Amino acid sequence: MNKKIVLRLFRAVEIKFPDTKIGDTIFYKIKEHNFKPQFAGYFDDMEIFTALFDWKSIEVNFSAPKDFPIYSQAIDLEGGKIADENNRARWKWSKKDLSAAEIETGTYDYISFSPRLAVTSFKDFNELGAAYWNEAKEKAILTLEIQTLAEEITKDFKEPQQQAYAIYEWVNKNIRYLSIVLDRGGWIPHHSTQILSNGYGDCKDYTTVLYALLKAKKIESHPVLIRADMTDWFPDVASASYFNHAILY
């Protein structure tokens, strides 16, 4: 019997330039291939060309099947939709000779004055939220272990507010924050019982186990995707890549 073995390798690449001197210019190119989307059936990407650096030339070429829905927002980039080719819709954006901005003391938001591009097939944020919850809810199933733990945590409290706070305190004291990104850009949380077994998790794992424990006490809650940095910009299109943190409402 023949067996096919697939090895998935995670590598750190170190590039050395031993003869580099002050005043030299170094160029490097990175090519990335994504074979698995963050959410099945959807495309999403965001590029921020930070104004902290000089940019001699920026060029983004994008194509998709003509019948595939695409929504985009480009800020401080020239271009947009161009002629279709080979039954594919095409876009092109560019920028040349962009000088780095002078950062003043106290500047907290460099994204709002950096060229940026969001491209997504999510028609709105409701569709994006539904796609996330469709994946995450399978990890937040109420099990006997979760129910038993929730009862133990809240045994001394009768009011829902007290119970919710006791659950929050328990998770923060007993689940260590640790982010390990291995699948689909880190979007999909671990199962709630696995989080408890591991004793660690990241923001979406915290959200998942909190949701399950609160559900055991019939306390309603909702996972929320946010961007956890200080920027005043919010995209017009529903780009999942804009968000980088999950909390529980």
C-alpha atoms as a PDB file:
ATOM      1  CA  MET A   1       0.000   0.000   0.000  1.00  0.00           C
ATOM      2  CA  ASN A   2       1.331   3.426  -0.969  1.00  0.00           C
ATOM      3  CA  LYS A   3       1.133   6.224   1.558  1.00  0.00           C
ATOM      4  CA  LYS A   4       1.406   9.914   0.868  1.00  0.00           C
ATOM      5  CA  ILE A   5       3.122  11.907   3.584  1.00  0.00           C
ATOM      6  CA  VAL A   6       2.712  15.666   3.661  1.00  0.00           C
ATOM      7  CA  LEU A   7       5.172  17.662   5.727  1.00  0.00           C
ATOM      8  CA  ARG A   8       4.187  21.166   6.817  1.00  0.00           C
ATOM      9  CA  LEU A   9       7.341  23.110   7.625  1.00  0.00           C
ATOM     10  CA  PHE A  10       7.493  26.393   9.500  1.00  0.00           C
ATOM     11  CA  ARG A  11      10.755  28.191   8.815  1.00  0.00           C
ATOM     12  CA  ALA A  12      12.428  31.360   9.945  1.00  0.00           C
ATOM     13  CA  VAL A  13      14.615  32.815   7.209  1.00  0.00           C
ATOM     14  CA  GLU A  14      17.585  34.951   8.201  1.00  0.00           C
ATOM     15  CA  ILE A  15      19.112  37.159   5.515  1.00  0.00           C
ATOM     16  CA  LYS A  16      22.597  38.528   6.136  1.00  0.00           C
ATOM     17  CA  PHE A  17      24.375  41.309   4.254  1.00  0.00           C
ATOM     18  CA  PRO A  18      27.906  41.099   5.688  1.00  0.00           C
ATOM     19  CA  ASP A  19      29.402  43.841   3.513  1.00  0.00           C
ATOM     20  CA  THR A  20      26.710  46.467   4.164  1.00  0.00           C
ATOM     21  CA  LYS A  21      28.027  49.947   4.906  1.00  0.00           C
ATOM     22  CA  ILE A  22      26.393  53.176   6.003  1.00  0.00           C
ATOM     23  CA  GLY A  23      24.690  54.764   3.027  1.00  0.00           C
ATOM     24  CA  ASP A  24      24.119  51.474   1.170  1.00  0.00           C
ATOM     25  CA  THR A  25      20.668  50.581  -0.126  1.00  0.00           C
ATOM     26  CA  ILE A  26      19.268  47.071   0.293  1.00  0.00           C
ATOM     27  CA  PHE A  27      16.396  45.602  -1.723  1.00  0.00           C
ATOM     28  CA  TYR A  28      14.482  42.443  -1.011  1.00  0.00           C
ATOM     29  CA  LYS A  29      11.368  40.854  -2.456  1.00  0.00           C
ATOM     30  CA  ILE A  30       8.839  38.617  -0.724  1.00  0.00           C
ATOM     31  CA  LYS A  31       6.380  36.434  -2.616  1.00  0.00           C
ATOM     32  CA  GLU A  32       3.506  34.958  -0.634  1.00  0.00           C
ATOM     33  CA  HIS A  33       1.085  32.248  -1.757  1.00  0.00           C
ATOM     34  CA  ASN A  34      -2.135  31.717   0.209  1.00  0.00           C
ATOM     35  CA  PHE A  35      -3.898  28.450  -0.571  1.00  0.00           C
ATOM     36  CA  LYS A  36      -6.563  28.578   2.128  1.00  0.00           C
ATOM     37  CA  PRO A  37      -8.810  31.615   2.671  1.00  0.00           C
ATOM     38  CA  GLN A  38      -9.534  33.005   6.112  1.00  0.00           C
ATOM     39  CA  PHE A  39     -13.205  32.242   5.516  1.00  0.00           C
ATOM     40  CA  ALA A  40     -14.363  29.635   2.996  1.00  0.00           C
ATOM     41  CA  GLY A  41     -15.780  31.215  -0.142  1.00  0.00           C
ATOM     42  CA  TYR A  42     -14.536  34.731   0.640  1.00  0.00           C
ATOM     43  CA  PHE A  43     -11.539  36.822  -0.346  1.00  0.00           C
ATOM     44  CA  ASP A  44     -10.110  39.548   1.848  1.00  0.00           C
ATOM     45  CA  ASP A  45      -6.915  41.572   1.992  1.00  0.00           C
ATOM     46  CA  MET A  46      -5.641  44.901   3.283  1.00  0.00           C
ATOM     47  CA  GLU A  47      -2.363  46.649   2.565  1.00  0.00           C
ATOM     48  CA  ILE A  48      -1.100  49.648   4.538  1.00  0.00           C
ATOM     49  CA  PHE A  49       1.953  51.377   3.068  1.00  0.00           C
ATOM     50  CA  THR A  50       3.087  53.096   6.226  1.00  0.00           C
ATOM     51  CA  ALA A  51       4.030  56.743   5.910  1.00  0.00           C
ATOM     52  CA  LEU A  52       6.891  56.137   8.335  1.00  0.00           C
ATOM     53  CA  PHE A  53       9.079  55.205   5.336  1.00  0.00           C
ATOM     54  CA  ASP A  54       9.994  56.563   1.910  1.00  0.00           C
ATOM     55  CA  TRP A  55       8.300  54.733  -0.968  1.00  0.00           C
ATOM     56  CA  LYS A  56       9.894  55.075  -4.406  1.00  0.00           C
ATOM     57  CA  SER A  57       7.195  53.041  -6.120  1.00  0.00           C
ATOM     58  CA  ILE A  58       4.028  51.239  -5.014  1.00  0.00           C
ATOM     59  CA  GLU A  59       2.046  49.118  -7.469  1.00  0.00           C
ATOM     60  CA  VAL A  60      -0.830  46.741  -6.708  1.00  0.00           C
ATOM     61  CA  ASN A  61      -2.366  44.618  -9.463  1.00  0.00           C
ATOM     62  CA  PHE A  62      -5.501  42.660  -8.659  1.00  0.00           C
ATOM     63  CA  SER A  63      -7.767  40.387 -10.688  1.00  0.00           C
ATOM     64  CA  ALA A  64     -10.773  38.169  -9.988  1.00  0.00           C
ATOM     65  CA  PRO A  65     -13.407  36.214 -11.930  1.00  0.00           C
ATOM     66  CA  LYS A  66     -15.874  38.660 -13.494  1.00  0.00           C
ATOM     67  CA  ASP A  67     -18.816  37.197 -11.581  1.00  0.00           C
ATOM     68  CA  PHE A  68     -17.022  37.242  -8.204  1.00  0.00           C
ATOM     69  CA  PRO A  69     -18.169  40.151  -5.982  1.00  0.00           C
ATOM     70  CA  ILE A  70     -15.351  42.543  -5.098  1.00  0.00           C
ATOM     71  CA  TYR A  71     -15.578  45.682  -2.960  1.00  0.00           C
ATOM     72  CA  SER A  72     -12.564  47.942  -2.577  1.00  0.00           C
ATOM     73  CA  GLN A  73     -11.435  51.192  -1.007  1.00  0.00           C
ATOM     74  CA  ALA A  74      -8.146  52.853  -1.925  1.00  0.00           C
ATOM     75  CA  ILE A  75      -6.901  55.935  -0.083  1.00  0.00           C
ATOM     76  CA  ASP A  76      -3.982  58.051  -1.350  1.00  0.00           C
ATOM     77  CA  LEU A  77      -3.380  55.590  -4.186  1.00  0.00           C
ATOM     78  CA  GLU A  78      -3.972  56.364  -7.843  1.00  0.00           C
ATOM     79  CA  GLY A  79      -5.960  54.098 -10.135  1.00  0.00           C
ATOM     80  CA  GLY A  80      -8.834  51.670  -9.713  1.00  0.00           C
ATOM     81  CA  LYS A  81     -10.820  49.460 -12.087  1.00  0.00           C
ATOM     82  CA  ILE A  82      -9.209  48.818 -15.482  1.00  0.00           C
ATOM     83  CA  ALA A  83     -10.289  46.849 -18.572  1.00  0.00           C
ATOM     84  CA  ASP A  84     -11.269  43.194 -18.128  1.00  0.00           C
ATOM     85  CA  GLU A  85      -8.967  40.586 -19.601  1.00  0.00           C
ATOM     86  CA  ASN A  86      -9.478  36.858 -20.269  1.00  0.00           C
ATOM     87  CA  ASN A  87     -12.883  36.954 -18.593  1.00  0.00           C
ATOM     88  CA  ARG A  88     -11.388  38.404 -15.409  1.00  0.00           C
ATOM     89  CA  ALA A  89     -12.081  41.764 -13.801  1.00  0.00           C
ATOM     90  CA  ARG A  90      -8.916  43.782 -13.078  1.00  0.00           C
ATOM     91  CA  TRP A  91      -7.798  46.663 -10.879  1.00  0.00           C
ATOM     92  CA  LYS A  92      -4.527  48.561 -10.623  1.00  0.00           C
ATOM     93  CA  TRP A  93      -3.394  51.050  -7.977  1.00  0.00           C
ATOM     94  CA  SER A  94      -0.061  52.856  -7.738  1.00  0.00           C
ATOM     95  CA  LYS A  95       1.922  55.611  -6.036  1.00  0.00           C
ATOM     96  CA  LYS A  96       5.374  56.994  -6.732  1.00  0.00           C
ATOM     97  CA  ASP A  97       7.990  59.002  -4.852  1.00  0.00           C
ATOM     98  CA  LEU A  98       6.254  59.117  -1.487  1.00  0.00           C
ATOM     99  CA  SER A  99       8.392  60.725   1.204  1.00  0.00           C
ATOM    100  CA  ALA A 100       8.164  59.652   4.812  1.00  0.00           C
ATOM    101  CA  ALA A 101       6.017  61.924   6.965  1.00  0.00           C
ATOM    102  CA  GLU A 102       7.560  63.915   9.775  1.00  0.00           C
ATOM    103  CA  ILE A 103       6.292  62.345  12.966  1.00  0.00           C
ATOM    104  CA  GLU A 104       5.512  64.853  15.695  1.00  0.00           C
ATOM    105  CA  THR A 105       5.787  64.167  19.408  1.00  0.00           C
ATOM    106  CA  GLY A 106       2.590  62.544  20.598  1.00  0.00           C
ATOM    107  CA  THR A 107       1.568  61.201  17.193  1.00  0.00           C
ATOM    108  CA  TYR A 108      -0.503  58.073  17.830  1.00  0.00           C
ATOM    109  CA  ASP A 109      -2.134  57.378  14.464  1.00  0.00           C
ATOM    110  CA  TYR A 110       0.054  56.907  11.385  1.00  0.00           C
ATOM    111  CA  ILE A 111      -2.472  54.759   9.510  1.00  0.00           C
ATOM    112  CA  SER A 112      -4.814  57.682   8.808  1.00  0.00           C
ATOM    113  CA  PHE A 113      -2.144  59.470   6.754  1.00  0.00           C
ATOM    114  CA  SER A 114      -0.660  56.367   5.073  1.00  0.00           C
ATOM    115  CA  PRO A 115      -1.695  55.102   1.625  1.00  0.00           C
ATOM    116  CA  ARG A 116      -3.882  52.055   2.123  1.00  0.00           C
ATOM    117  CA  LEU A 117      -6.022  49.573   0.254  1.00  0.00           C
ATOM    118  CA  ALA A 118      -8.815  47.241   1.348  1.00  0.00           C
ATOM    119  CA  VAL A 119     -10.187  44.582  -1.014  1.00  0.00           C
ATOM    120  CA  THR A 120     -12.877  42.146   0.074  1.00  0.00           C
ATOM    121  CA  SER A 121     -15.766  40.038  -1.149  1.00  0.00           C
ATOM    122  CA  PHE A 122     -17.834  40.665   2.014  1.00  0.00           C
ATOM    123  CA  LYS A 123     -20.725  42.876   0.934  1.00  0.00           C
ATOM    124  CA  ASP A 124     -21.127  44.403   4.414  1.00  0.00           C
ATOM    125  CA  PHE A 125     -20.076  44.013   8.039  1.00  0.00           C
ATOM    126  CA  ASN A 126     -23.131  41.901   8.847  1.00  0.00           C
ATOM    127  CA  GLU A 127     -21.968  39.291   6.346  1.00  0.00           C
ATOM    128  CA  LEU A 128     -18.453  39.425   7.787  1.00  0.00           C
ATOM    129  CA  GLY A 129     -19.732  38.999  11.349  1.00  0.00           C
ATOM    130  CA  ALA A 130     -21.933  36.083  10.305  1.00  0.00           C
ATOM    131  CA  ALA A 131     -18.998  34.360   8.583  1.00  0.00           C
ATOM    132  CA  TYR A 132     -16.869  34.702  11.714  1.00  0.00           C
ATOM    133  CA  TRP A 133     -19.577  33.476  14.063  1.00  0.00           C
ATOM    134  CA  ASN A 134     -20.407  30.563  11.763  1.00  0.00           C
ATOM    135  CA  GLU A 135     -16.884  29.272  12.455  1.00  0.00           C
ATOM    136  CA  ALA A 136     -16.483  30.395  16.061  1.00  0.00           C
ATOM    137  CA  LYS A 137     -19.812  29.110  17.402  1.00  0.00           C
ATOM    138  CA  GLU A 138     -18.731  25.528  16.735  1.00  0.00           C
ATOM    139  CA  LYS A 139     -15.922  26.071  19.259  1.00  0.00           C
ATOM    140  CA  ALA A 140     -18.136  27.561  21.962  1.00  0.00           C
ATOM    141  CA  ILE A 141     -20.511  24.617  22.428  1.00  0.00           C
ATOM    142  CA  LEU A 142     -21.870  24.153  25.942  1.00  0.00           C
ATOM    143  CA  THR A 143     -20.524  20.851  27.327  1.00  0.00           C
ATOM    144  CA  LEU A 144     -20.965  19.077  30.654  1.00  0.00           C
ATOM    145  CA  GLU A 145     -17.448  20.154  31.624  1.00  0.00           C
ATOM    146  CA  ILE A 146     -18.254  23.809  30.898  1.00  0.00           C
ATOM    147  CA  GLN A 147     -21.575  23.596  32.751  1.00  0.00           C
ATOM    148  CA  THR A 148     -19.949  21.995  35.809  1.00  0.00           C
ATOM    149  CA  LEU A 149     -17.170  24.580  35.884  1.00  0.00           C
ATOM    150  CA  ALA A 150     -19.613  27.489  35.532  1.00  0.00           C
ATOM    151  CA  GLU A 151     -21.660  26.188  38.476  1.00  0.00           C
ATOM    152  CA  GLU A 152     -18.525  25.831  40.592  1.00  0.00           C
ATOM    153  CA  ILE A 153     -17.274  29.341  39.773  1.00  0.00           C
ATOM    154  CA  THR A 154     -20.619  31.000  40.560  1.00  0.00           C
ATOM    155  CA  LYS A 155     -21.765  28.867  43.489  1.00  0.00           C
ATOM    156  CA  ASP A 156     -21.541  31.810  45.932  1.00  0.00           C
ATOM    157  CA  PHE A 157     -23.352  34.318  43.703  1.00  0.00           C
ATOM    158  CA  LYS A 158     -27.021  34.683  42.779  1.00  0.00           C
ATOM    159  CA  GLU A 159     -27.152  37.870  40.704  1.00  0.00           C
ATOM    160  CA  PRO A 160     -26.221  37.549  36.985  1.00  0.00           C
ATOM    161  CA  GLN A 161     -23.879  40.554  37.225  1.00  0.00           C
ATOM    162  CA  GLN A 162     -22.000  38.916  40.108  1.00  0.00           C
ATOM    163  CA  GLN A 163     -21.860  35.606  38.237  1.00  0.00           C
ATOM    164  CA  ALA A 164     -20.550  37.278  35.088  1.00  0.00           C
ATOM    165  CA  TYR A 165     -17.825  39.071  37.037  1.00  0.00           C
ATOM    166  CA  ALA A 166     -16.838  35.858  38.865  1.00  0.00           C
ATOM    167  CA  ILE A 167     -16.493  34.040  35.513  1.00  0.00           C
ATOM    168  CA  TYR A 168     -14.455  36.913  34.077  1.00  0.00           C
ATOM    169  CA  GLU A 169     -12.133  36.890  37.100  1.00  0.00           C
ATOM    170  CA  TRP A 170     -11.693  33.110  36.973  1.00  0.00           C
ATOM    171  CA  VAL A 171     -10.748  33.091  33.288  1.00  0.00           C
ATOM    172  CA  ASN A 172      -8.246  35.920  33.740  1.00  0.00           C
ATOM    173  CA  LYS A 173      -6.596  34.152  36.676  1.00  0.00           C
ATOM    174  CA  ASN A 174      -6.567  30.631  35.249  1.00  0.00           C
ATOM    175  CA  ILE A 175      -6.108  31.014  31.480  1.00  0.00           C
ATOM    176  CA  ARG A 176      -2.723  32.391  30.433  1.00  0.00           C
ATOM    177  CA  TYR A 177      -2.648  34.702  27.419  1.00  0.00           C
ATOM    178  CA  LEU A 178      -0.665  33.066  24.626  1.00  0.00           C
ATOM    179  CA  SER A 179      -1.192  33.461  20.888  1.00  0.00           C
ATOM    180  CA  ILE A 180      -0.197  30.605  18.568  1.00  0.00           C
ATOM    181  CA  VAL A 181      -1.214  31.266  14.953  1.00  0.00           C
ATOM    182  CA  LEU A 182      -1.218  28.121  12.807  1.00  0.00           C
ATOM    183  CA  ASP A 183      -4.415  28.098  10.764  1.00  0.00           C
ATOM    184  CA  ARG A 184      -6.236  30.621   8.588  1.00  0.00           C
ATOM    185  CA  GLY A 185      -4.406  33.660   9.889  1.00  0.00           C
ATOM    186  CA  GLY A 186      -5.356  32.982  13.489  1.00  0.00           C
ATOM    187  CA  TRP A 187      -9.058  33.704  12.978  1.00  0.00           C
ATOM    188  CA  ILE A 188     -10.603  30.487  14.278  1.00  0.00           C
ATOM    189  CA  PRO A 189     -10.529  29.901  18.070  1.00  0.00           C
ATOM    190  CA  HIS A 190      -9.815  26.618  19.821  1.00  0.00           C
ATOM    191  CA  HIS A 191     -12.678  24.613  21.302  1.00  0.00           C
ATOM    192  CA  SER A 192     -13.667  25.874  24.763  1.00  0.00           C
ATOM    193  CA  THR A 193     -12.802  22.561  26.451  1.00  0.00           C
ATOM    194  CA  GLN A 194      -9.422  22.525  24.699  1.00  0.00           C
ATOM    195  CA  ILE A 195      -8.713  26.040  25.980  1.00  0.00           C
ATOM    196  CA  LEU A 196      -9.421  24.869  29.524  1.00  0.00           C
ATOM    197  CA  SER A 197      -7.220  21.796  29.029  1.00  0.00           C
ATOM    198  CA  ASN A 198      -4.360  23.851  27.582  1.00  0.00           C
ATOM    199  CA  GLY A 199      -4.617  26.547  30.233  1.00  0.00           C
ATOM    200  CA  TYR A 200      -3.832  29.221  27.653  1.00  0.00           C
ATOM    201  CA  GLY A 201      -5.354  31.072  24.727  1.00  0.00           C
ATOM    202  CA  ASP A 202      -5.404  34.387  22.872  1.00  0.00           C
ATOM    203  CA  CYS A 203      -8.127  37.010  22.568  1.00  0.00           C
ATOM    204  CA  LYS A 204     -10.517  34.911  20.492  1.00  0.00           C
ATOM    205  CA  ASP A 205      -9.963  31.943  22.827  1.00  0.00           C
ATOM    206  CA  TYR A 206     -10.718  34.122  25.856  1.00  0.00           C
ATOM    207  CA  THR A 207     -13.860  35.305  24.096  1.00  0.00           C
ATOM    208  CA  THR A 208     -14.881  31.718  23.309  1.00  0.00           C
ATOM    209  CA  VAL A 209     -14.453  30.271  26.785  1.00  0.00           C
ATOM    210  CA  LEU A 210     -16.096  33.305  28.405  1.00  0.00           C
ATOM    211  CA  TYR A 211     -19.043  32.993  26.028  1.00  0.00           C
ATOM    212  CA  ALA A 212     -19.481  29.282  26.831  1.00  0.00           C
ATOM    213  CA  LEU A 213     -19.260  29.775  30.609  1.00  0.00           C
ATOM    214  CA  LEU A 214     -21.724  32.667  30.515  1.00  0.00           C
ATOM    215  CA  LYS A 215     -24.070  30.628  28.340  1.00  0.00           C
ATOM    216  CA  ALA A 216     -24.015  27.911  31.004  1.00  0.00           C
ATOM    217  CA  LYS A 217     -25.480  30.483  33.404  1.00  0.00           C
ATOM    218  CA  LYS A 218     -27.984  31.686  30.764  1.00  0.00           C
ATOM    219  CA  ILE A 219     -26.200  35.055  30.504  1.00  0.00           C
ATOM    220  CA  GLU A 220     -26.329  36.402  26.951  1.00  0.00           C
ATOM    221  CA  SER A 221     -23.119  37.688  25.357  1.00  0.00           C
ATOM    222  CA  HIS A 222     -21.802  38.492  21.887  1.00  0.00           C
ATOM    223  CA  PRO A 223     -18.264  38.167  20.450  1.00  0.00           C
ATOM    224  CA  VAL A 224     -17.111  41.450  18.887  1.00  0.00           C
ATOM    225  CA  LEU A 225     -14.307  42.036  16.380  1.00  0.00           C
ATOM    226  CA  ILE A 226     -12.378  45.291  16.861  1.00  0.00           C
ATOM    227  CA  ARG A 227      -9.094  46.912  15.857  1.00  0.00           C
ATOM    228  CA  ALA A 228      -6.949  47.291  18.953  1.00  0.00           C
ATOM    229  CA  ASP A 229      -4.757  50.243  18.105  1.00  0.00           C
ATOM    230  CA  MET A 230      -5.159  53.987  18.082  1.00  0.00           C
ATOM    231  CA  THR A 231      -6.357  54.870  14.609  1.00  0.00           C
ATOM    232  CA  ASP A 232      -9.226  57.139  13.639  1.00  0.00           C
ATOM    233  CA  TRP A 233      -9.737  55.398  10.300  1.00  0.00           C
ATOM    234  CA  PHE A 234     -12.519  52.875   9.697  1.00  0.00           C
ATOM    235  CA  PRO A 235     -12.853  51.349   6.200  1.00  0.00           C
ATOM    236  CA  ASP A 236     -15.915  51.825   4.016  1.00  0.00           C
ATOM    237  CA  VAL A 237     -15.746  48.191   2.892  1.00  0.00           C
ATOM    238  CA  ALA A 238     -16.116  45.192   5.207  1.00  0.00           C
ATOM    239  CA  SER A 239     -12.515  44.033   5.277  1.00  0.00           C
ATOM    240  CA  ALA A 240     -11.813  41.318   7.830  1.00  0.00           C
ATOM    241  CA  SER A 241      -8.107  42.192   7.676  1.00  0.00           C
ATOM    242  CA  TYR A 242      -8.825  45.534   9.356  1.00  0.00           C
ATOM    243  CA  PHE A 243      -9.672  43.777  12.630  1.00  0.00           C
ATOM    244  CA  ASN A 244      -6.974  42.390  14.902  1.00  0.00           C
ATOM    245  CA  HIS A 245      -8.676  41.713  18.236  1.00  0.00           C
ATOM    246  CA  ALA A 246     -11.756  40.053  19.710  1.00  0.00           C
ATOM    247  CA  ILE A 247     -13.676  41.024  22.849  1.00  0.00           C
ATOM    248  CA  LEU A 248     -16.968  39.918  24.416  1.00  0.00           C
ATOM    249  CA  TYR A 249     -19.943  42.230  24.791  1.00  0.00           C
END
